[in-house]
Amino acid sequence: MQTSSNYKFFISSDKLFSWDIPATWSEYEDDEGTYAFFNTTSWTGNLRITPIIFKTNNSVIDVISEEIAGNNITITVQIGDYKCAYFEKNLIQGNDDLLIYYWITGLNNYLFTCSFVIDKDQENSFENENELIVIENIIKSIKIN
């Protein structure tokens, strides 16, 4: 994807994947194999993208299909070229009431689990709705190099 001045190009440490992220976002340390980002201008949530490589092409389709079939809160959404299993989950962590949005998607034998964590009180806010559009743009831009 061609990046605009509002986005910058990100490439994974193994050079297998790339995507565009907003220019105001930075990466932070997370679990090995997970790429994590947040808005440095104003915290709006944490985005994590975890790529997984399967040995066979059918594995990605199976995982997405199983997630949709096995979870009554999961729906199918199309984001660009990607069919995604999408769901939301509430989580209380210490004193924090959180909401996690999940998109599980992939292409060929590459699976991407994307999650965006916000404070629960941000749900349905104008700022959060805008950030969900940004997240969808990031997912649309995922490329397998």
Protein backbone atom coordinates (compact mmCIF):
# COMPACT_ATOMS: atom_id res chain seq x y z
CA MET A 1 0.00 0.00 0.00
CA GLN A 2 1.21 3.50 -0.79
CA THR A 3 1.60 5.38 2.46
CA SER A 4 0.27 8.92 2.79
CA SER A 5 1.90 11.57 4.94
CA ASN A 6 -0.45 10.49 7.76
CA TYR A 7 0.90 6.91 7.69
CA LYS A 8 4.30 5.27 7.82
CA PHE A 9 5.45 1.92 6.50
CA PHE A 10 6.16 -0.82 9.06
CA ILE A 11 7.96 -4.06 8.24
CA SER A 12 8.20 -7.01 10.64
CA SER A 13 11.56 -7.94 12.12
CA ASP A 14 11.66 -11.10 9.99
CA LYS A 15 10.78 -9.03 6.88
CA LEU A 16 7.87 -11.40 6.06
CA PHE A 17 5.02 -8.94 6.70
CA SER A 18 4.39 -5.24 6.35
CA TRP A 19 1.59 -2.76 6.92
CA ASP A 20 0.95 0.94 7.27
CA ILE A 21 0.46 2.55 10.67
CA PRO A 22 -0.41 6.14 11.51
CA ALA A 23 2.62 8.43 11.62
CA THR A 24 1.76 9.36 15.24
CA TRP A 25 1.90 5.73 16.42
CA SER A 26 4.93 3.94 17.84
CA GLU A 27 5.80 0.32 18.44
CA TYR A 28 6.34 -0.98 21.97
CA GLU A 29 7.70 -4.22 23.39
CA ASP A 30 5.22 -7.07 23.71
CA ASP A 31 5.35 -10.85 23.51
CA GLU A 32 7.86 -12.28 21.09
CA GLY A 33 6.23 -12.56 17.68
CA THR A 34 3.59 -9.92 18.47
CA TYR A 35 3.88 -6.40 17.10
CA ALA A 36 2.30 -3.80 19.38
CA PHE A 37 1.51 -0.13 18.73
CA PHE A 38 -0.12 2.87 20.37
CA ASN A 39 -0.91 6.48 19.50
CA THR A 40 1.84 8.67 21.00
CA THR A 41 -0.18 11.88 20.64
CA SER A 42 -3.16 10.75 22.70
CA TRP A 43 -3.58 7.23 24.07
CA THR A 44 -6.57 5.70 22.35
CA GLY A 45 -5.78 2.03 22.91
CA ASN A 46 -3.17 -0.62 22.18
CA LEU A 47 -3.05 -2.49 18.89
CA ARG A 48 -1.40 -5.90 18.70
CA ILE A 49 -0.83 -7.92 15.53
CA THR A 50 0.38 -11.50 15.87
CA PRO A 51 1.26 -13.30 12.61
CA ILE A 52 1.31 -17.10 12.53
CA ILE A 53 2.57 -19.17 9.60
CA PHE A 54 0.91 -22.54 8.91
CA LYS A 55 2.46 -25.34 6.90
CA THR A 56 -0.71 -25.85 4.81
CA ASN A 57 -3.01 -23.33 3.12
CA ASN A 58 -6.20 -24.81 4.58
CA SER A 59 -5.18 -24.07 8.17
CA VAL A 60 -6.00 -20.33 7.98
CA ILE A 61 -9.45 -20.96 6.50
CA ASP A 62 -10.07 -23.64 9.13
CA VAL A 63 -9.08 -21.36 12.03
CA ILE A 64 -11.29 -18.51 10.83
CA SER A 65 -14.22 -20.86 10.15
CA GLU A 66 -13.85 -22.58 13.53
CA GLU A 67 -13.73 -19.23 15.32
CA ILE A 68 -16.93 -18.10 13.60
CA ALA A 69 -18.75 -21.42 14.15
CA GLY A 70 -17.57 -21.99 17.72
CA ASN A 71 -18.32 -18.60 19.21
CA ASN A 72 -21.84 -17.14 19.14
CA ILE A 73 -20.48 -13.59 19.52
CA THR A 74 -18.21 -13.83 16.47
CA ILE A 75 -19.32 -12.39 13.16
CA THR A 76 -17.77 -12.33 9.71
CA VAL A 77 -16.58 -8.96 8.41
CA GLN A 78 -14.80 -8.09 5.19
CA ILE A 79 -11.93 -5.61 5.51
CA GLY A 80 -10.35 -4.95 2.15
CA ASP A 81 -9.24 -8.31 0.76
CA TYR A 82 -9.46 -9.98 4.16
CA LYS A 83 -12.35 -12.04 5.50
CA CYS A 84 -12.20 -11.66 9.27
CA ALA A 85 -13.70 -13.39 12.26
CA TYR A 86 -14.59 -10.42 14.49
CA PHE A 87 -15.68 -10.26 18.11
CA GLU A 88 -15.44 -8.11 21.23
CA LYS A 89 -14.61 -9.19 24.77
CA ASN A 90 -14.87 -7.37 28.10
CA LEU A 91 -11.99 -7.83 30.53
CA ILE A 92 -11.34 -6.60 34.06
CA GLN A 93 -7.62 -6.38 34.72
CA GLY A 94 -6.80 -5.10 38.19
CA ASN A 95 -8.77 -1.88 38.54
CA ASP A 96 -9.14 -1.44 34.78
CA ASP A 97 -12.37 -2.20 32.94
CA LEU A 98 -11.27 -2.95 29.37
CA LEU A 99 -12.82 -3.81 26.02
CA ILE A 100 -10.86 -5.85 23.49
CA TYR A 101 -11.78 -5.93 19.80
CA TYR A 102 -10.48 -8.96 17.88
CA TRP A 103 -10.04 -9.57 14.16
CA ILE A 104 -8.73 -12.99 13.10
CA THR A 105 -7.84 -13.08 9.45
CA GLY A 106 -5.31 -14.35 6.99
CA LEU A 107 -4.33 -15.23 3.49
CA ASN A 108 -2.92 -18.45 2.10
CA ASN A 109 -1.04 -20.00 5.03
CA TYR A 110 -0.58 -16.76 7.01
CA LEU A 111 -2.88 -16.01 9.94
CA PHE A 112 -3.05 -12.62 11.66
CA THR A 113 -4.65 -12.12 15.05
CA CYS A 114 -5.25 -8.42 15.54
CA SER A 115 -6.55 -6.97 18.80
CA PHE A 116 -7.25 -3.45 19.98
CA VAL A 117 -7.62 -2.80 23.72
CA ILE A 118 -9.37 0.30 25.07
CA ASP A 119 -10.72 1.50 28.39
CA LYS A 120 -14.36 0.35 28.53
CA ASP A 121 -15.57 3.92 29.12
CA GLN A 122 -14.24 4.88 25.64
CA GLU A 123 -16.67 2.48 23.95
CA ASN A 124 -19.03 4.23 21.49
CA SER A 125 -17.10 7.50 21.77
CA PHE A 126 -16.38 9.52 18.64
CA GLU A 127 -12.63 9.06 19.22
CA ASN A 128 -12.98 5.28 19.51
CA GLU A 129 -15.15 5.04 16.39
CA ASN A 130 -12.43 6.92 14.47
CA GLU A 131 -9.72 4.64 15.84
CA LEU A 132 -11.64 1.55 14.72
CA ILE A 133 -11.57 2.98 11.19
CA VAL A 134 -7.79 3.44 11.56
CA ILE A 135 -7.45 -0.19 12.72
CA GLU A 136 -9.42 -1.39 9.69
CA ASN A 137 -7.10 0.64 7.43
CA ILE A 138 -4.11 -1.03 9.07
CA ILE A 139 -5.63 -4.48 8.54
CA LYS A 140 -6.40 -3.61 4.89
CA SER A 141 -2.76 -2.66 4.38
CA ILE A 142 -1.24 -5.95 5.66
CA LYS A 143 1.01 -7.41 3.00
CA ILE A 144 2.88 -10.68 2.87
CA ASN A 145 6.34 -9.85 1.48
